[in-house]
């Protein structure tokens, strides 16, 4: 055994480690760590179909960056510092 703990302290340590394990489990499942689900259960609707990809993987980071640039150009005019 790593620590020689006896009696009440041993019970407390078991409960603390059990609680931490439960917190990690809920966090990993809730945020989708280690899965291909975008955001897990607590993602707030950031799935592929919300982006207009029809549920696909979303493409590469370059494709996503290009799409965001196109969206920003379509929603706001580009102005220059000189007012032109």
PDB file of N, CA and C in Angstrom:
ATOM      1  N   UNK A   1       0.837  -1.177   0.000  1.00  0.00           N
ATOM      2  CA  UNK A   1       0.000   0.000   0.000  1.00  0.00           C
ATOM      3  C   UNK A   1       0.887   1.247   0.000  1.00  0.00           C
ATOM      4  N   UNK A   2       0.457   2.250  -0.710  1.00  0.00           N
ATOM      5  CA  UNK A   2       1.255   3.463  -0.832  1.00  0.00           C
ATOM      6  C   UNK A   2       1.323   4.215   0.497  1.00  0.00           C
ATOM      7  N   UNK A   3       0.202   4.371   1.131  1.00  0.00           N
ATOM      8  CA  UNK A   3       0.151   5.033   2.438  1.00  0.00           C
ATOM      9  C   UNK A   3      -0.380   4.040   3.455  1.00  0.00           C
ATOM     10  N   UNK A   4       0.177   4.059   4.639  1.00  0.00           N
ATOM     11  CA  UNK A   4      -0.307   3.174   5.695  1.00  0.00           C
ATOM     12  C   UNK A   4      -1.339   3.932   6.513  1.00  0.00           C
ATOM     13  N   UNK A   5      -2.589   3.962   6.000  1.00  0.00           N
ATOM     14  CA  UNK A   5      -3.671   4.687   6.656  1.00  0.00           C
ATOM     15  C   UNK A   5      -4.623   3.660   7.247  1.00  0.00           C
ATOM     16  N   UNK A   6      -5.015   3.896   8.497  1.00  0.00           N
ATOM     17  CA  UNK A   6      -5.911   2.964   9.168  1.00  0.00           C
ATOM     18  C   UNK A   6      -7.115   3.707   9.738  1.00  0.00           C
ATOM     19  N   UNK A   7      -8.190   2.964   9.910  1.00  0.00           N
ATOM     20  CA  UNK A   7      -9.357   3.492  10.606  1.00  0.00           C
ATOM     21  C   UNK A   7     -10.190   4.450   9.785  1.00  0.00           C
ATOM     22  N   UNK A   8     -10.624   5.515  10.457  1.00  0.00           N
ATOM     23  CA  UNK A   8     -11.552   6.486   9.869  1.00  0.00           C
ATOM     24  C   UNK A   8     -10.918   7.215   8.689  1.00  0.00           C
ATOM     25  N   UNK A   9      -9.635   7.539   8.777  1.00  0.00           N
ATOM     26  CA  UNK A   9      -8.979   8.261   7.677  1.00  0.00           C
ATOM     27  C   UNK A   9      -9.001   7.449   6.389  1.00  0.00           C
ATOM     28  N   UNK A  10      -8.863   6.148   6.511  1.00  0.00           N
ATOM     29  CA  UNK A  10      -8.874   5.293   5.329  1.00  0.00           C
ATOM     30  C   UNK A  10     -10.244   5.373   4.636  1.00  0.00           C
ATOM     31  N   UNK A  11     -11.306   5.387   5.408  1.00  0.00           N
ATOM     32  CA  UNK A  11     -12.647   5.504   4.850  1.00  0.00           C
ATOM     33  C   UNK A  11     -12.838   6.855   4.171  1.00  0.00           C
ATOM     34  N   UNK A  12     -12.338   7.912   4.798  1.00  0.00           N
ATOM     35  CA  UNK A  12     -12.451   9.252   4.215  1.00  0.00           C
ATOM     36  C   UNK A  12     -11.686   9.329   2.897  1.00  0.00           C
ATOM     37  N   UNK A  13     -10.483   8.761   2.870  1.00  0.00           N
ATOM     38  CA  UNK A  13      -9.685   8.787   1.645  1.00  0.00           C
ATOM     39  C   UNK A  13     -10.396   8.018   0.531  1.00  0.00           C
ATOM     40  N   UNK A  14     -10.994   6.886   0.855  1.00  0.00           N
ATOM     41  CA  UNK A  14     -11.735   6.127  -0.151  1.00  0.00           C
ATOM     42  C   UNK A  14     -12.892   6.940  -0.721  1.00  0.00           C
ATOM     43  N   UNK A  15     -13.629   7.627   0.135  1.00  0.00           N
ATOM     44  CA  UNK A  15     -14.757   8.442  -0.338  1.00  0.00           C
ATOM     45  C   UNK A  15     -14.282   9.615  -1.184  1.00  0.00           C
ATOM     46  N   UNK A  16     -13.185  10.229  -0.786  1.00  0.00           N
ATOM     47  CA  UNK A  16     -12.660  11.367  -1.557  1.00  0.00           C
ATOM     48  C   UNK A  16     -12.224  10.911  -2.941  1.00  0.00           C
ATOM     49  N   UNK A  17     -11.461   9.823  -3.013  1.00  0.00           N
ATOM     50  CA  UNK A  17     -11.030   9.314  -4.318  1.00  0.00           C
ATOM     51  C   UNK A  17     -12.220   8.832  -5.157  1.00  0.00           C
ATOM     52  N   UNK A  18     -13.199   8.226  -4.525  1.00  0.00           N
ATOM     53  CA  UNK A  18     -14.398   7.817  -5.247  1.00  0.00           C
ATOM     54  C   UNK A  18     -15.162   9.010  -5.803  1.00  0.00           C
ATOM     55  N   UNK A  19     -15.257  10.073  -4.998  1.00  0.00           N
ATOM     56  CA  UNK A  19     -15.919  11.292  -5.466  1.00  0.00           C
ATOM     57  C   UNK A  19     -15.182  11.940  -6.620  1.00  0.00           C
ATOM     58  N   UNK A  20     -13.861  11.977  -6.530  1.00  0.00           N
ATOM     59  CA  UNK A  20     -13.068  12.544  -7.627  1.00  0.00           C
ATOM     60  C   UNK A  20     -13.234  11.724  -8.907  1.00  0.00           C
ATOM     61  N   UNK A  21     -13.237  10.402  -8.764  1.00  0.00           N
ATOM     62  CA  UNK A  21     -13.439   9.544  -9.936  1.00  0.00           C
ATOM     63  C   UNK A  21     -14.806   9.798 -10.565  1.00  0.00           C
ATOM     64  N   UNK A  22     -15.813   9.981  -9.751  1.00  0.00           N
ATOM     65  CA  UNK A  22     -17.152  10.264 -10.257  1.00  0.00           C
ATOM     66  C   UNK A  22     -17.201  11.616 -10.970  1.00  0.00           C
ATOM     67  N   UNK A  23     -16.547  12.617 -10.402  1.00  0.00           N
ATOM     68  CA  UNK A  23     -16.505  13.939 -11.033  1.00  0.00           C
ATOM     69  C   UNK A  23     -15.811  13.863 -12.394  1.00  0.00           C
ATOM     70  N   UNK A  24     -14.688  13.135 -12.462  1.00  0.00           N
ATOM     71  CA  UNK A  24     -13.992  12.973 -13.735  1.00  0.00           C
ATOM     72  C   UNK A  24     -14.870  12.237 -14.748  1.00  0.00           C
ATOM     73  N   UNK A  25     -15.544  11.185 -14.314  1.00  0.00           N
ATOM     74  CA  UNK A  25     -16.399  10.421 -15.217  1.00  0.00           C
ATOM     75  C   UNK A  25     -17.509  11.290 -15.790  1.00  0.00           C
ATOM     76  N   UNK A  26     -18.190  12.016 -14.925  1.00  0.00           N
ATOM     77  CA  UNK A  26     -19.279  12.882 -15.383  1.00  0.00           C
ATOM     78  C   UNK A  26     -18.732  13.975 -16.306  1.00  0.00           C
ATOM     79  N   UNK A  27     -17.584  14.525 -15.977  1.00  0.00           N
ATOM     80  CA  UNK A  27     -16.994  15.563 -16.824  1.00  0.00           C
ATOM     81  C   UNK A  27     -16.595  15.042 -18.189  1.00  0.00           C
ATOM     82  N   UNK A  28     -15.946  13.878 -18.223  1.00  0.00           N
ATOM     83  CA  UNK A  28     -15.523  13.322 -19.506  1.00  0.00           C
ATOM     84  C   UNK A  28     -16.711  12.952 -20.384  1.00  0.00           C
ATOM     85  N   UNK A  29     -17.725  12.347 -19.809  1.00  0.00           N
ATOM     86  CA  UNK A  29     -18.907  11.987 -20.586  1.00  0.00           C
ATOM     87  C   UNK A  29     -19.664  13.246 -20.991  1.00  0.00           C
ATOM     88  N   UNK A  30     -19.789  14.204 -20.080  1.00  0.00           N
ATOM     89  CA  UNK A  30     -20.541  15.417 -20.361  1.00  0.00           C
ATOM     90  C   UNK A  30     -19.934  16.272 -21.450  1.00  0.00           C
ATOM     91  N   UNK A  31     -18.605  16.342 -21.481  1.00  0.00           N
ATOM     92  CA  UNK A  31     -17.939  17.169 -22.486  1.00  0.00           C
ATOM     93  C   UNK A  31     -17.463  16.369 -23.686  1.00  0.00           C
ATOM     94  N   UNK A  32     -17.728  15.071 -23.697  1.00  0.00           N
ATOM     95  CA  UNK A  32     -17.408  14.258 -24.872  1.00  0.00           C
ATOM     96  C   UNK A  32     -15.934  14.029 -25.082  1.00  0.00           C
ATOM     97  N   UNK A  33     -15.152  13.945 -24.032  1.00  0.00           N
ATOM     98  CA  UNK A  33     -13.713  13.730 -24.161  1.00  0.00           C
ATOM     99  C   UNK A  33     -13.476  12.319 -24.679  1.00  0.00           C
ATOM    100  N   UNK A  34     -12.671  12.191 -25.721  1.00  0.00           N
ATOM    101  CA  UNK A  34     -12.340  10.898 -26.273  1.00  0.00           C
ATOM    102  C   UNK A  34     -13.353  10.338 -27.251  1.00  0.00           C
ATOM    103  N   UNK A  35     -14.310  11.136 -27.657  1.00  0.00           N
ATOM    104  CA  UNK A  35     -15.297  10.663 -28.625  1.00  0.00           C
ATOM    105  C   UNK A  35     -15.313  11.592 -29.829  1.00  0.00           C
ATOM    106  N   UNK A  36     -15.974  11.157 -30.875  1.00  0.00           N
ATOM    107  CA  UNK A  36     -16.081  12.000 -32.061  1.00  0.00           C
ATOM    108  C   UNK A  36     -17.349  12.836 -32.064  1.00  0.00           C
ATOM    109  N   UNK A  37     -18.038  12.871 -30.935  1.00  0.00           N
ATOM    110  CA  UNK A  37     -19.225  13.706 -30.798  1.00  0.00           C
ATOM    111  C   UNK A  37     -18.765  15.126 -30.496  1.00  0.00           C
ATOM    112  N   UNK A  38     -19.219  16.086 -31.254  1.00  0.00           N
ATOM    113  CA  UNK A  38     -18.802  17.468 -31.063  1.00  0.00           C
ATOM    114  C   UNK A  38     -19.423  18.088 -29.830  1.00  0.00           C
ATOM    115  N   UNK A  39     -18.727  18.109 -28.724  1.00  0.00           N
ATOM    116  CA  UNK A  39     -19.207  18.768 -27.531  1.00  0.00           C
ATOM    117  C   UNK A  39     -19.830  17.874 -26.488  1.00  0.00           C
ATOM    118  N   UNK A  40     -20.104  16.641 -26.797  1.00  0.00           N
ATOM    119  CA  UNK A  40     -20.684  15.731 -25.819  1.00  0.00           C
ATOM    120  C   UNK A  40     -22.108  16.103 -25.459  1.00  0.00           C
ATOM    121  N   UNK A  41     -22.524  15.735 -24.273  1.00  0.00           N
ATOM    122  CA  UNK A  41     -23.893  15.999 -23.832  1.00  0.00           C
ATOM    123  C   UNK A  41     -24.108  17.458 -23.475  1.00  0.00           C
ATOM    124  N   UNK A  42     -23.056  18.143 -23.047  1.00  0.00           N
ATOM    125  CA  UNK A  42     -23.174  19.531 -22.614  1.00  0.00           C
ATOM    126  C   UNK A  42     -22.725  20.518 -23.685  1.00  0.00           C
ATOM    127  N   UNK A  43     -22.653  20.083 -24.937  1.00  0.00           N
ATOM    128  CA  UNK A  43     -22.126  20.908 -26.017  1.00  0.00           C
ATOM    129  C   UNK A  43     -23.007  22.074 -26.407  1.00  0.00           C
ATOM    130  N   UNK A  44     -24.261  22.047 -26.128  1.00  0.00           N
ATOM    131  CA  UNK A  44     -25.126  23.176 -26.441  1.00  0.00           C
ATOM    132  C   UNK A  44     -25.485  23.287 -27.906  1.00  0.00           C
ATOM    133  N   UNK A  45     -25.590  22.191 -28.620  1.00  0.00           N
ATOM    134  CA  UNK A  45     -26.042  22.234 -30.007  1.00  0.00           C
ATOM    135  C   UNK A  45     -24.996  22.663 -30.996  1.00  0.00           C
ATOM    136  N   UNK A  46     -23.765  22.312 -30.795  1.00  0.00           N
ATOM    137  CA  UNK A  46     -22.706  22.654 -31.744  1.00  0.00           C
ATOM    138  C   UNK A  46     -22.399  21.489 -32.665  1.00  0.00           C
ATOM    139  N   UNK A  47     -23.401  20.709 -33.012  1.00  0.00           N
ATOM    140  CA  UNK A  47     -23.199  19.556 -33.876  1.00  0.00           C
ATOM    141  C   UNK A  47     -22.957  19.969 -35.309  1.00  0.00           C
ATOM    142  N   UNK A  48     -22.636  18.998 -36.149  1.00  0.00           N
ATOM    143  CA  UNK A  48     -22.317  19.280 -37.542  1.00  0.00           C
ATOM    144  C   UNK A  48     -23.497  19.836 -38.318  1.00  0.00           C
ATOM    145  N   UNK A  49     -24.726  19.380 -38.048  1.00  0.00           N
ATOM    146  CA  UNK A  49     -25.866  19.844 -38.818  1.00  0.00           C
ATOM    147  C   UNK A  49     -26.184  21.308 -38.532  1.00  0.00           C
ATOM    148  N   UNK A  50     -25.820  21.827 -37.386  1.00  0.00           N
ATOM    149  CA  UNK A  50     -26.062  23.230 -37.076  1.00  0.00           C
ATOM    150  C   UNK A  50     -25.158  24.141 -37.880  1.00  0.00           C
ATOM    151  N   UNK A  51     -24.048  23.616 -38.374  1.00  0.00           N
ATOM    152  CA  UNK A  51     -23.118  24.415 -39.167  1.00  0.00           C
ATOM    153  C   UNK A  51     -23.450  24.378 -40.653  1.00  0.00           C
ATOM    154  N   UNK A  52     -24.446  23.596 -41.012  1.00  0.00           N
ATOM    155  CA  UNK A  52     -24.798  23.529 -42.418  1.00  0.00           C
ATOM    156  C   UNK A  52     -24.026  22.483 -43.186  1.00  0.00           C
ATOM    157  N   UNK A  53     -23.399  21.543 -42.526  1.00  0.00           N
ATOM    158  CA  UNK A  53     -22.644  20.500 -43.200  1.00  0.00           C
ATOM    159  C   UNK A  53     -23.449  19.223 -43.336  1.00  0.00           C
ATOM    160  N   UNK A  54     -24.685  19.209 -42.885  1.00  0.00           N
ATOM    161  CA  UNK A  54     -25.509  18.026 -43.000  1.00  0.00           C
ATOM    162  C   UNK A  54     -25.058  16.884 -42.109  1.00  0.00           C
ATOM    163  N   UNK A  55     -24.452  17.200 -40.986  1.00  0.00           N
ATOM    164  CA  UNK A  55     -24.016  16.167 -40.059  1.00  0.00           C
ATOM    165  C   UNK A  55     -22.647  15.622 -40.358  1.00  0.00           C
ATOM    166  N   UNK A  56     -21.923  16.207 -41.278  1.00  0.00           N
ATOM    167  CA  UNK A  56     -20.595  15.726 -41.630  1.00  0.00           C
ATOM    168  C   UNK A  56     -19.569  16.090 -40.578  1.00  0.00           C
ATOM    169  N   UNK A  57     -18.324  15.707 -40.848  1.00  0.00           N
ATOM    170  CA  UNK A  57     -17.247  15.937 -39.903  1.00  0.00           C
ATOM    171  C   UNK A  57     -16.828  17.390 -39.797  1.00  0.00           C
ATOM    172  N   UNK A  58     -17.171  18.224 -40.761  1.00  0.00           N
ATOM    173  CA  UNK A  58     -16.839  19.626 -40.660  1.00  0.00           C
ATOM    174  C   UNK A  58     -15.636  20.020 -41.483  1.00  0.00           C
ATOM    175  N   UNK A  59     -14.915  19.084 -42.056  1.00  0.00           N
ATOM    176  CA  UNK A  59     -13.781  19.398 -42.895  1.00  0.00           C
ATOM    177  C   UNK A  59     -12.556  19.774 -42.096  1.00  0.00           C
ATOM    178  N   UNK A  60     -11.549  20.216 -42.816  1.00  0.00           N
ATOM    179  CA  UNK A  60     -10.304  20.584 -42.160  1.00  0.00           C
ATOM    180  C   UNK A  60     -10.428  21.961 -41.521  1.00  0.00           C
ATOM    181  N   UNK A  61      -9.442  22.308 -40.739  1.00  0.00           N
ATOM    182  CA  UNK A  61      -9.450  23.623 -40.090  1.00  0.00           C
ATOM    183  C   UNK A  61      -9.387  24.750 -41.113  1.00  0.00           C
ATOM    184  N   UNK A  62      -8.661  24.536 -42.200  1.00  0.00           N
ATOM    185  CA  UNK A  62      -8.593  25.557 -43.248  1.00  0.00           C
ATOM    186  C   UNK A  62      -9.969  25.778 -43.883  1.00  0.00           C
ATOM    187  N   UNK A  63     -10.694  24.693 -44.135  1.00  0.00           N
ATOM    188  CA  UNK A  63     -12.045  24.822 -44.701  1.00  0.00           C
ATOM    189  C   UNK A  63     -12.971  25.565 -43.748  1.00  0.00           C
ATOM    190  N   UNK A  64     -12.872  25.248 -42.463  1.00  0.00           N
ATOM    191  CA  UNK A  64     -13.703  25.922 -41.475  1.00  0.00           C
ATOM    192  C   UNK A  64     -13.350  27.400 -41.389  1.00  0.00           C
ATOM    193  N   UNK A  65     -12.052  27.728 -41.454  1.00  0.00           N
ATOM    194  CA  UNK A  65     -11.629  29.134 -41.406  1.00  0.00           C
ATOM    195  C   UNK A  65     -12.139  29.893 -42.629  1.00  0.00           C
ATOM    196  N   UNK A  66     -12.059  29.263 -43.806  1.00  0.00           N
ATOM    197  CA  UNK A  66     -12.569  29.910 -45.018  1.00  0.00           C
ATOM    198  C   UNK A  66     -14.066  30.159 -44.930  1.00  0.00           C
ATOM    199  N   UNK A  67     -14.789  29.182 -44.390  1.00  0.00           N
ATOM    200  CA  UNK A  67     -16.233  29.354 -44.243  1.00  0.00           C
ATOM    201  C   UNK A  67     -16.566  30.492 -43.283  1.00  0.00           C
ATOM    202  N   UNK A  68     -15.821  30.599 -42.194  1.00  0.00           N
ATOM    203  CA  UNK A  68     -16.066  31.691 -41.243  1.00  0.00           C
ATOM    204  C   UNK A  68     -15.748  33.043 -41.860  1.00  0.00           C
ATOM    205  N   UNK A  69     -14.689  33.112 -42.672  1.00  0.00           N
ATOM    206  CA  UNK A  69     -14.358  34.374 -43.353  1.00  0.00           C
ATOM    207  C   UNK A  69     -15.479  34.777 -44.308  1.00  0.00           C
ATOM    208  N   UNK A  70     -16.009  33.802 -45.058  1.00  0.00           N
ATOM    209  CA  UNK A  70     -17.106  34.096 -45.992  1.00  0.00           C
ATOM    210  C   UNK A  70     -18.349  34.572 -45.251  1.00  0.00           C
ATOM    211  N   UNK A  71     -18.650  33.937 -44.122  1.00  0.00           N
ATOM    212  CA  UNK A  71     -19.811  34.362 -43.334  1.00  0.00           C
ATOM    213  C   UNK A  71     -19.631  35.779 -42.808  1.00  0.00           C
ATOM    214  N   UNK A  72     -18.418  36.099 -42.335  1.00  0.00           N
ATOM    215  CA  UNK A  72     -18.213  37.431 -41.775  1.00  0.00           C
ATOM    216  C   UNK A  72     -18.281  38.499 -42.863  1.00  0.00           C
ATOM    217  N   UNK A  73     -17.827  38.190 -44.067  1.00  0.00           N
ATOM    218  CA  UNK A  73     -17.927  39.150 -45.169  1.00  0.00           C
ATOM    219  C   UNK A  73     -19.379  39.369 -45.574  1.00  0.00           C
ATOM    220  N   UNK A  74     -20.177  38.336 -45.475  1.00  0.00           N
ATOM    221  CA  UNK A  74     -21.574  38.443 -45.876  1.00  0.00           C
ATOM    222  C   UNK A  74     -22.413  39.198 -44.855  1.00  0.00           C
ATOM    223  N   UNK A  75     -21.969  39.232 -43.612  1.00  0.00           N
ATOM    224  CA  UNK A  75     -22.791  39.851 -42.574  1.00  0.00           C
ATOM    225  C   UNK A  75     -22.371  41.267 -42.226  1.00  0.00           C
ATOM    226  N   UNK A  76     -21.144  41.657 -42.537  1.00  0.00           N
ATOM    227  CA  UNK A  76     -20.730  43.013 -42.198  1.00  0.00           C
ATOM    228  C   UNK A  76     -19.839  43.567 -43.313  1.00  0.00           C
ATOM    229  N   UNK A  77     -19.976  44.833 -43.619  1.00  0.00           N
ATOM    230  CA  UNK A  77     -19.119  45.422 -44.663  1.00  0.00           C
ATOM    231  C   UNK A  77     -17.706  45.611 -44.142  1.00  0.00           C
ATOM    232  N   UNK A  78     -16.758  45.467 -45.037  1.00  0.00           N
ATOM    233  CA  UNK A  78     -15.355  45.659 -44.674  1.00  0.00           C
ATOM    234  C   UNK A  78     -15.023  47.140 -44.856  1.00  0.00           C
ATOM    235  N   UNK A  79     -14.525  47.769 -43.803  1.00  0.00           N
ATOM    236  CA  UNK A  79     -14.143  49.178 -43.877  1.00  0.00           C
ATOM    237  C   UNK A  79     -12.659  49.300 -43.661  1.00  0.00           C
ATOM    238  N   UNK A  80     -12.104  50.356 -44.228  1.00  0.00           N
ATOM    239  CA  UNK A  80     -10.676  50.623 -44.055  1.00  0.00           C
ATOM    240  C   UNK A  80     -10.501  51.745 -43.060  1.00  0.00           C
ATOM    241  N   UNK A  81      -9.322  51.856 -42.431  1.00  0.00           N
ATOM    242  CA  UNK A  81      -9.117  52.902 -41.436  1.00  0.00           C
ATOM    243  C   UNK A  81      -9.272  54.311 -41.987  1.00  0.00           C
ATOM    244  N   UNK A  82      -9.062  54.509 -43.300  1.00  0.00           N
ATOM    245  CA  UNK A  82      -9.181  55.841 -43.883  1.00  0.00           C
ATOM    246  C   UNK A  82     -10.594  56.244 -44.205  1.00  0.00           C
ATOM    247  N   UNK A  83     -11.551  55.387 -43.919  1.00  0.00           N
ATOM    248  CA  UNK A  83     -12.952  55.725 -44.185  1.00  0.00           C
ATOM    249  C   UNK A  83     -13.375  55.407 -45.596  1.00  0.00           C
ATOM    250  N   UNK A  84     -12.558  54.686 -46.355  1.00  0.00           N
ATOM    251  CA  UNK A  84     -12.890  54.430 -47.748  1.00  0.00           C
ATOM    252  C   UNK A  84     -13.356  53.100 -47.962  1.00  0.00           C
TER     253      UNK A  84
END
